[in-house]
Amino acid sequence: MLSKHDSIQRDQLEMITLDQLVPANHLVRKMEAAIDFTFIYDLVKDRYSEVGRPSIDPVILVKLTFIQYTFGIRSMRKTMEEVETNMAYRWFLGYGFHDKVPHFSTFGKNEGTNRFCSFTNNDCLQHLKNRGTLSRTRLKSPFKKNKRTKN
């Protein structure tokens, strides 16, 4: 017999924490438990000025690259869209339900000034290897290196 669910409860009010929405075996929980990201502050402290407007936490920027790489998201714009709606990603970044995520162009601006390129790709991974957090397995990019181009 065909059943039809007529009751739409999108406006239902519930008391729930973000922690309850992220499954215990989710990969972001494993990354959070395995990696202490506080070392990043020491890597970038000399690249920030004492004056000016407050910056976006550099750990957030690094975690965004981890999300993008680990889950095979092809662009930072798409990564930010995913962070807007994916509660596991928000949990990993330390954001709440209503916290505003950085604009995708913020990340590109930081890459353009070479603030994060050098250590994200090299120092960060080297630090994790030295601590034994990363195994000796070869890291492969989820992106194609030889894209076909139209003539």
N, C-alpha and C. Protein backbone atom coordinates (compact mmCIF):
# COMPACT_ATOMS: atom_id res chain seq x y z
N MET A 1 0.84 -1.17 0.00
CA MET A 1 0.00 0.00 0.00
C MET A 1 0.89 1.25 0.00
N LEU A 2 0.53 2.19 -0.82
CA LEU A 2 1.28 3.44 -0.92
C LEU A 2 0.93 4.33 0.26
N SER A 3 1.96 4.75 0.96
CA SER A 3 1.76 5.67 2.09
C SER A 3 2.24 7.05 1.68
N LYS A 4 1.62 8.05 2.22
CA LYS A 4 2.00 9.41 1.92
C LYS A 4 2.19 10.17 3.23
N HIS A 5 3.33 10.79 3.37
CA HIS A 5 3.64 11.57 4.56
C HIS A 5 3.12 12.98 4.35
N ASP A 6 2.03 13.33 4.98
CA ASP A 6 1.40 14.63 4.76
C ASP A 6 1.91 15.72 5.69
N SER A 7 2.38 15.34 6.82
CA SER A 7 2.77 16.32 7.83
C SER A 7 4.19 16.83 7.57
N ILE A 8 4.31 18.08 7.22
CA ILE A 8 5.62 18.70 7.04
C ILE A 8 5.95 19.46 8.32
N GLN A 9 7.05 19.07 8.95
CA GLN A 9 7.39 19.66 10.24
C GLN A 9 8.69 20.44 10.16
N ARG A 10 8.81 21.26 9.15
CA ARG A 10 10.03 22.04 8.98
C ARG A 10 10.16 23.15 10.00
N ASP A 11 9.05 23.59 10.54
CA ASP A 11 9.09 24.67 11.52
C ASP A 11 9.04 24.17 12.95
N GLN A 12 9.28 22.87 13.13
CA GLN A 12 9.26 22.27 14.45
C GLN A 12 10.42 22.80 15.28
N LEU A 13 10.18 23.14 16.51
CA LEU A 13 11.21 23.67 17.39
C LEU A 13 11.76 22.54 18.26
N GLU A 14 13.05 22.38 18.23
CA GLU A 14 13.72 21.33 19.01
C GLU A 14 14.89 21.93 19.77
N MET A 15 15.19 21.35 20.89
CA MET A 15 16.40 21.71 21.64
C MET A 15 17.44 20.66 21.31
N ILE A 16 18.45 21.07 20.53
CA ILE A 16 19.49 20.13 20.11
C ILE A 16 20.82 20.88 20.00
N THR A 17 21.88 20.18 20.27
CA THR A 17 23.21 20.80 20.13
C THR A 17 23.82 20.37 18.81
N LEU A 18 24.75 21.16 18.35
CA LEU A 18 25.46 20.84 17.12
C LEU A 18 26.23 19.52 17.29
N ASP A 19 26.73 19.30 18.47
CA ASP A 19 27.47 18.07 18.76
C ASP A 19 26.60 16.83 18.55
N GLN A 20 25.31 16.93 18.84
CA GLN A 20 24.41 15.80 18.67
C GLN A 20 24.14 15.49 17.20
N LEU A 21 24.34 16.45 16.33
CA LEU A 21 24.06 16.26 14.91
C LEU A 21 25.22 15.61 14.15
N VAL A 22 26.40 15.60 14.75
CA VAL A 22 27.58 15.02 14.08
C VAL A 22 27.77 13.60 14.60
N PRO A 23 27.67 12.61 13.70
CA PRO A 23 27.83 11.22 14.13
C PRO A 23 29.19 10.97 14.78
N ALA A 24 29.22 10.07 15.73
CA ALA A 24 30.45 9.78 16.48
C ALA A 24 31.57 9.27 15.58
N ASN A 25 31.24 8.61 14.48
CA ASN A 25 32.27 8.04 13.60
C ASN A 25 32.55 8.91 12.38
N HIS A 26 32.09 10.15 12.37
CA HIS A 26 32.31 11.03 11.23
C HIS A 26 33.79 11.38 11.13
N LEU A 27 34.28 11.53 9.91
CA LEU A 27 35.69 11.79 9.67
C LEU A 27 36.17 13.09 10.32
N VAL A 28 35.32 14.10 10.39
CA VAL A 28 35.76 15.36 11.01
C VAL A 28 36.04 15.17 12.50
N ARG A 29 35.32 14.28 13.14
CA ARG A 29 35.60 13.99 14.56
C ARG A 29 36.97 13.32 14.70
N LYS A 30 37.27 12.43 13.77
CA LYS A 30 38.56 11.74 13.81
C LYS A 30 39.70 12.72 13.55
N MET A 31 39.51 13.64 12.61
CA MET A 31 40.55 14.64 12.34
C MET A 31 40.74 15.55 13.54
N GLU A 32 39.65 15.96 14.16
CA GLU A 32 39.74 16.84 15.32
C GLU A 32 40.47 16.16 16.48
N ALA A 33 40.21 14.86 16.66
CA ALA A 33 40.86 14.12 17.74
C ALA A 33 42.34 13.86 17.44
N ALA A 34 42.69 13.70 16.17
CA ALA A 34 44.05 13.32 15.80
C ALA A 34 45.00 14.51 15.67
N ILE A 35 44.47 15.67 15.34
CA ILE A 35 45.34 16.81 15.01
C ILE A 35 45.11 17.95 15.99
N ASP A 36 46.17 18.40 16.61
CA ASP A 36 46.12 19.60 17.44
C ASP A 36 46.55 20.77 16.56
N PHE A 37 45.59 21.57 16.15
CA PHE A 37 45.85 22.64 15.19
C PHE A 37 46.49 23.88 15.80
N THR A 38 46.75 23.89 17.09
CA THR A 38 47.28 25.09 17.72
C THR A 38 48.69 25.45 17.24
N PHE A 39 49.42 24.50 16.67
CA PHE A 39 50.76 24.79 16.16
C PHE A 39 50.73 25.83 15.04
N ILE A 40 49.60 25.99 14.40
CA ILE A 40 49.47 26.92 13.28
C ILE A 40 49.71 28.36 13.74
N TYR A 41 49.28 28.68 14.95
CA TYR A 41 49.48 30.04 15.45
C TYR A 41 50.96 30.42 15.47
N ASP A 42 51.83 29.48 15.86
CA ASP A 42 53.27 29.76 15.87
C ASP A 42 53.82 29.93 14.45
N LEU A 43 53.25 29.21 13.50
CA LEU A 43 53.72 29.31 12.12
C LEU A 43 53.40 30.65 11.47
N VAL A 44 52.30 31.27 11.89
CA VAL A 44 51.85 32.48 11.19
C VAL A 44 51.93 33.76 12.01
N LYS A 45 52.36 33.67 13.26
CA LYS A 45 52.30 34.86 14.12
C LYS A 45 53.10 36.04 13.58
N ASP A 46 54.22 35.78 12.90
CA ASP A 46 55.03 36.87 12.37
C ASP A 46 54.46 37.46 11.06
N ARG A 47 53.39 36.88 10.56
CA ARG A 47 52.77 37.37 9.32
C ARG A 47 51.58 38.28 9.58
N TYR A 48 51.29 38.53 10.83
CA TYR A 48 50.16 39.37 11.21
C TYR A 48 50.64 40.66 11.86
N SER A 49 49.93 41.72 11.61
CA SER A 49 50.24 43.01 12.20
C SER A 49 49.56 43.13 13.56
N GLU A 50 50.11 43.96 14.41
CA GLU A 50 49.50 44.23 15.71
C GLU A 50 48.35 45.22 15.60
N VAL A 51 48.29 45.94 14.50
CA VAL A 51 47.24 46.94 14.29
C VAL A 51 46.37 46.51 13.11
N GLY A 52 45.22 47.14 13.00
CA GLY A 52 44.32 46.81 11.89
C GLY A 52 43.10 46.06 12.39
N ARG A 53 42.28 45.69 11.45
CA ARG A 53 41.05 44.99 11.84
C ARG A 53 41.34 43.54 12.20
N PRO A 54 40.47 42.94 12.99
CA PRO A 54 40.68 41.55 13.38
C PRO A 54 40.67 40.61 12.17
N SER A 55 41.51 39.61 12.23
CA SER A 55 41.61 38.66 11.13
C SER A 55 40.69 37.47 11.37
N ILE A 56 40.56 36.67 10.33
CA ILE A 56 39.90 35.38 10.48
C ILE A 56 40.94 34.44 11.09
N ASP A 57 40.52 33.66 12.04
CA ASP A 57 41.42 32.74 12.72
C ASP A 57 42.15 31.87 11.69
N PRO A 58 43.49 31.86 11.71
CA PRO A 58 44.23 31.07 10.73
C PRO A 58 43.94 29.57 10.82
N VAL A 59 43.57 29.09 12.00
CA VAL A 59 43.21 27.68 12.13
C VAL A 59 41.96 27.38 11.30
N ILE A 60 41.02 28.32 11.28
CA ILE A 60 39.82 28.16 10.47
C ILE A 60 40.21 28.03 8.99
N LEU A 61 41.12 28.88 8.54
CA LEU A 61 41.53 28.84 7.14
C LEU A 61 42.20 27.51 6.79
N VAL A 62 43.01 26.99 7.69
CA VAL A 62 43.66 25.71 7.45
C VAL A 62 42.63 24.58 7.48
N LYS A 63 41.72 24.64 8.44
CA LYS A 63 40.69 23.60 8.51
C LYS A 63 39.80 23.61 7.26
N LEU A 64 39.58 24.78 6.70
CA LEU A 64 38.81 24.86 5.45
C LEU A 64 39.52 24.12 4.32
N THR A 65 40.85 24.25 4.27
CA THR A 65 41.59 23.52 3.23
C THR A 65 41.54 22.02 3.49
N PHE A 66 41.54 21.62 4.76
CA PHE A 66 41.41 20.20 5.09
C PHE A 66 40.05 19.69 4.63
N ILE A 67 39.00 20.45 4.88
CA ILE A 67 37.66 20.05 4.44
C ILE A 67 37.64 19.91 2.92
N GLN A 68 38.16 20.92 2.24
CA GLN A 68 38.15 20.92 0.78
C GLN A 68 38.90 19.71 0.22
N TYR A 69 40.08 19.47 0.73
CA TYR A 69 40.91 18.38 0.23
C TYR A 69 40.34 17.01 0.61
N THR A 70 39.99 16.84 1.87
CA THR A 70 39.53 15.55 2.37
C THR A 70 38.24 15.08 1.72
N PHE A 71 37.33 16.01 1.49
CA PHE A 71 36.04 15.64 0.94
C PHE A 71 35.93 15.90 -0.56
N GLY A 72 37.05 16.25 -1.20
CA GLY A 72 37.09 16.36 -2.65
C GLY A 72 36.24 17.48 -3.23
N ILE A 73 36.15 18.58 -2.51
CA ILE A 73 35.38 19.72 -3.01
C ILE A 73 36.28 20.51 -3.94
N ARG A 74 35.79 20.84 -5.11
CA ARG A 74 36.65 21.37 -6.17
C ARG A 74 36.99 22.86 -6.07
N SER A 75 36.25 23.63 -5.32
CA SER A 75 36.56 25.06 -5.24
C SER A 75 36.28 25.57 -3.83
N MET A 76 36.91 26.69 -3.50
CA MET A 76 36.67 27.29 -2.20
C MET A 76 35.25 27.86 -2.14
N ARG A 77 34.75 28.34 -3.25
CA ARG A 77 33.37 28.84 -3.28
C ARG A 77 32.40 27.71 -2.89
N LYS A 78 32.59 26.54 -3.48
CA LYS A 78 31.74 25.39 -3.17
C LYS A 78 31.96 24.92 -1.73
N THR A 79 33.20 24.99 -1.27
CA THR A 79 33.49 24.61 0.11
C THR A 79 32.70 25.49 1.07
N MET A 80 32.69 26.79 0.82
CA MET A 80 31.95 27.70 1.69
C MET A 80 30.45 27.44 1.64
N GLU A 81 29.94 27.09 0.47
CA GLU A 81 28.53 26.73 0.36
C GLU A 81 28.23 25.49 1.19
N GLU A 82 29.14 24.52 1.15
CA GLU A 82 28.96 23.30 1.93
C GLU A 82 29.02 23.59 3.43
N VAL A 83 29.92 24.46 3.84
CA VAL A 83 30.05 24.80 5.26
C VAL A 83 28.77 25.50 5.75
N GLU A 84 28.14 26.26 4.88
CA GLU A 84 26.88 26.93 5.25
C GLU A 84 25.83 25.94 5.72
N THR A 85 25.77 24.76 5.08
CA THR A 85 24.67 23.83 5.34
C THR A 85 25.08 22.54 6.04
N ASN A 86 26.35 22.19 6.01
CA ASN A 86 26.79 20.92 6.59
C ASN A 86 27.18 21.13 8.05
N MET A 87 26.41 20.54 8.94
CA MET A 87 26.63 20.74 10.37
C MET A 87 27.93 20.09 10.86
N ALA A 88 28.36 19.02 10.22
CA ALA A 88 29.63 18.39 10.61
C ALA A 88 30.80 19.32 10.31
N TYR A 89 30.76 19.99 9.17
CA TYR A 89 31.81 20.94 8.83
C TYR A 89 31.81 22.11 9.81
N ARG A 90 30.62 22.59 10.15
CA ARG A 90 30.52 23.70 11.11
C ARG A 90 31.10 23.28 12.46
N TRP A 91 30.79 22.07 12.88
CA TRP A 91 31.31 21.55 14.15
C TRP A 91 32.84 21.52 14.11
N PHE A 92 33.41 21.02 13.01
CA PHE A 92 34.86 20.92 12.86
C PHE A 92 35.52 22.29 12.92
N LEU A 93 34.88 23.29 12.35
CA LEU A 93 35.43 24.65 12.35
C LEU A 93 35.20 25.38 13.67
N GLY A 94 34.32 24.83 14.51
CA GLY A 94 34.01 25.48 15.77
C GLY A 94 32.92 26.54 15.63
N TYR A 95 32.19 26.50 14.54
CA TYR A 95 31.11 27.46 14.31
C TYR A 95 29.80 26.93 14.87
N GLY A 96 28.95 27.85 15.27
CA GLY A 96 27.62 27.49 15.72
C GLY A 96 26.63 27.50 14.57
N PHE A 97 25.37 27.31 14.92
CA PHE A 97 24.31 27.28 13.91
C PHE A 97 24.23 28.58 13.11
N HIS A 98 24.41 29.70 13.80
CA HIS A 98 24.16 31.00 13.17
C HIS A 98 25.43 31.80 12.89
N ASP A 99 26.59 31.23 13.16
CA ASP A 99 27.84 31.95 12.87
C ASP A 99 28.01 32.11 11.37
N LYS A 100 28.46 33.29 10.99
CA LYS A 100 28.67 33.58 9.59
C LYS A 100 30.03 33.02 9.16
N VAL A 101 30.03 32.31 8.04
CA VAL A 101 31.29 31.76 7.52
C VAL A 101 31.99 32.82 6.67
N PRO A 102 33.30 32.74 6.56
CA PRO A 102 34.01 33.73 5.74
C PRO A 102 33.58 33.65 4.28
N HIS A 103 33.69 34.76 3.61
CA HIS A 103 33.42 34.77 2.17
C HIS A 103 34.54 34.03 1.47
N PHE A 104 34.21 33.32 0.40
CA PHE A 104 35.23 32.51 -0.28
C PHE A 104 36.40 33.35 -0.79
N SER A 105 36.15 34.61 -1.12
CA SER A 105 37.23 35.45 -1.65
C SER A 105 38.27 35.78 -0.57
N THR A 106 37.88 35.71 0.69
CA THR A 106 38.84 35.94 1.78
C THR A 106 39.97 34.94 1.69
N PHE A 107 39.63 33.73 1.40
CA PHE A 107 40.64 32.69 1.31
C PHE A 107 41.57 32.96 0.14
N GLY A 108 41.04 33.35 -0.98
CA GLY A 108 41.86 33.65 -2.15
C GLY A 108 42.78 34.83 -1.91
N LYS A 109 42.29 35.83 -1.17
CA LYS A 109 43.13 36.98 -0.86
C LYS A 109 44.30 36.57 0.01
N ASN A 110 44.05 35.69 0.95
CA ASN A 110 45.14 35.21 1.80
C ASN A 110 46.12 34.37 1.01
N GLU A 111 45.63 33.58 0.07
CA GLU A 111 46.54 32.81 -0.77
C GLU A 111 47.37 33.75 -1.64
N GLY A 112 46.72 34.79 -2.15
CA GLY A 112 47.41 35.73 -3.03
C GLY A 112 48.55 36.46 -2.35
N THR A 113 48.42 36.70 -1.06
CA THR A 113 49.50 37.38 -0.33
C THR A 113 50.55 36.39 0.16
N ASN A 114 50.37 35.12 -0.20
CA ASN A 114 51.30 34.06 0.19
C ASN A 114 51.34 33.85 1.69
N ARG A 115 50.30 34.30 2.40
CA ARG A 115 50.27 34.13 3.84
C ARG A 115 50.10 32.67 4.22
N PHE A 116 49.29 31.96 3.46
CA PHE A 116 48.99 30.58 3.83
C PHE A 116 49.48 29.55 2.85
N CYS A 117 49.83 29.95 1.64
CA CYS A 117 50.29 28.97 0.64
C CYS A 117 51.49 28.19 1.14
N SER A 118 52.49 28.89 1.60
CA SER A 118 53.74 28.24 1.94
C SER A 118 53.57 27.24 3.07
N PHE A 119 52.88 27.62 4.14
CA PHE A 119 52.83 26.67 5.25
C PHE A 119 51.72 25.65 5.11
N THR A 120 50.65 25.97 4.43
CA THR A 120 49.58 24.99 4.28
C THR A 120 50.08 23.78 3.52
N ASN A 121 50.80 24.02 2.44
CA ASN A 121 51.25 22.92 1.60
C ASN A 121 52.48 22.23 2.14
N ASN A 122 53.33 22.93 2.82
CA ASN A 122 54.61 22.34 3.22
C ASN A 122 54.74 22.18 4.73
N ASP A 123 54.82 23.29 5.44
CA ASP A 123 55.10 23.25 6.87
C ASP A 123 54.02 22.50 7.66
N CYS A 124 52.79 22.73 7.31
CA CYS A 124 51.69 22.09 8.03
C CYS A 124 51.75 20.57 7.86
N LEU A 125 51.88 20.11 6.63
CA LEU A 125 51.96 18.67 6.40
C LEU A 125 53.24 18.08 6.99
N GLN A 126 54.33 18.82 6.90
CA GLN A 126 55.59 18.34 7.49
C GLN A 126 55.46 18.21 9.00
N HIS A 127 54.82 19.18 9.63
CA HIS A 127 54.61 19.14 11.08
C HIS A 127 53.79 17.90 11.46
N LEU A 128 52.75 17.63 10.70
CA LEU A 128 51.91 16.47 11.00
C LEU A 128 52.65 15.16 10.76
N LYS A 129 53.50 15.12 9.74
CA LYS A 129 54.31 13.93 9.50
C LYS A 129 55.28 13.71 10.65
N ASN A 130 55.92 14.78 11.10
CA ASN A 130 56.90 14.67 12.19
C ASN A 130 56.26 14.19 13.48
N ARG A 131 55.03 14.59 13.71
CA ARG A 131 54.34 14.16 14.91
C ARG A 131 53.79 12.75 14.79
N GLY A 132 53.82 12.19 13.57
CA GLY A 132 53.28 10.85 13.37
C GLY A 132 51.79 10.85 13.11
N THR A 133 51.22 12.03 12.93
CA THR A 133 49.78 12.11 12.67
C THR A 133 49.46 11.60 11.28
N LEU A 134 50.34 11.90 10.32
CA LEU A 134 50.15 11.38 8.96
C LEU A 134 51.01 10.14 8.79
N SER A 135 50.44 9.16 8.15
CA SER A 135 51.21 7.94 7.90
C SER A 135 52.13 8.17 6.70
N ARG A 136 52.87 7.16 6.36
CA ARG A 136 53.80 7.28 5.24
C ARG A 136 53.10 7.13 3.90
N THR A 137 51.80 6.91 3.93
CA THR A 137 51.09 6.73 2.67
C THR A 137 51.17 8.00 1.84
N ARG A 138 51.19 7.83 0.57
CA ARG A 138 51.32 8.95 -0.35
C ARG A 138 50.00 9.71 -0.43
N LEU A 139 50.09 11.02 -0.31
CA LEU A 139 48.89 11.84 -0.43
C LEU A 139 48.63 12.11 -1.89
N LYS A 140 47.41 11.81 -2.33
CA LYS A 140 47.05 12.05 -3.71
C LYS A 140 45.99 13.14 -3.76
N SER A 141 46.12 13.98 -4.73
CA SER A 141 45.14 15.03 -4.93
C SER A 141 43.87 14.44 -5.52
N PRO A 142 42.71 14.87 -5.04
CA PRO A 142 41.47 14.37 -5.60
C PRO A 142 41.14 15.03 -6.94
N PHE A 143 41.96 15.97 -7.37
CA PHE A 143 41.69 16.71 -8.59
C PHE A 143 42.55 16.18 -9.73
N LYS A 144 42.01 16.20 -10.92
CA LYS A 144 42.76 15.76 -12.09
C LYS A 144 43.87 16.75 -12.39
N LYS A 145 45.03 16.25 -12.69
CA LYS A 145 46.14 17.14 -13.02
C LYS A 145 46.11 17.53 -14.49
N ASN A 146 45.71 16.62 -15.34
CA ASN A 146 45.67 16.87 -16.77
C ASN A 146 44.23 17.05 -17.22
N LYS A 147 43.76 18.25 -17.13
CA LYS A 147 42.40 18.52 -17.56
C LYS A 147 42.37 18.66 -19.07
N ARG A 148 41.32 18.18 -19.65
CA ARG A 148 41.16 18.36 -21.09
C ARG A 148 40.75 19.79 -21.37
N THR A 149 41.37 20.34 -22.35
CA THR A 149 40.99 21.68 -22.75
C THR A 149 40.45 21.66 -24.16
N LYS A 150 39.48 22.50 -24.39
CA LYS A 150 38.91 22.58 -25.72
C LYS A 150 39.80 23.46 -26.59
N ASN A 151 39.96 23.05 -27.81
CA ASN A 151 40.79 23.82 -28.74
C ASN A 151 40.00 24.91 -29.41
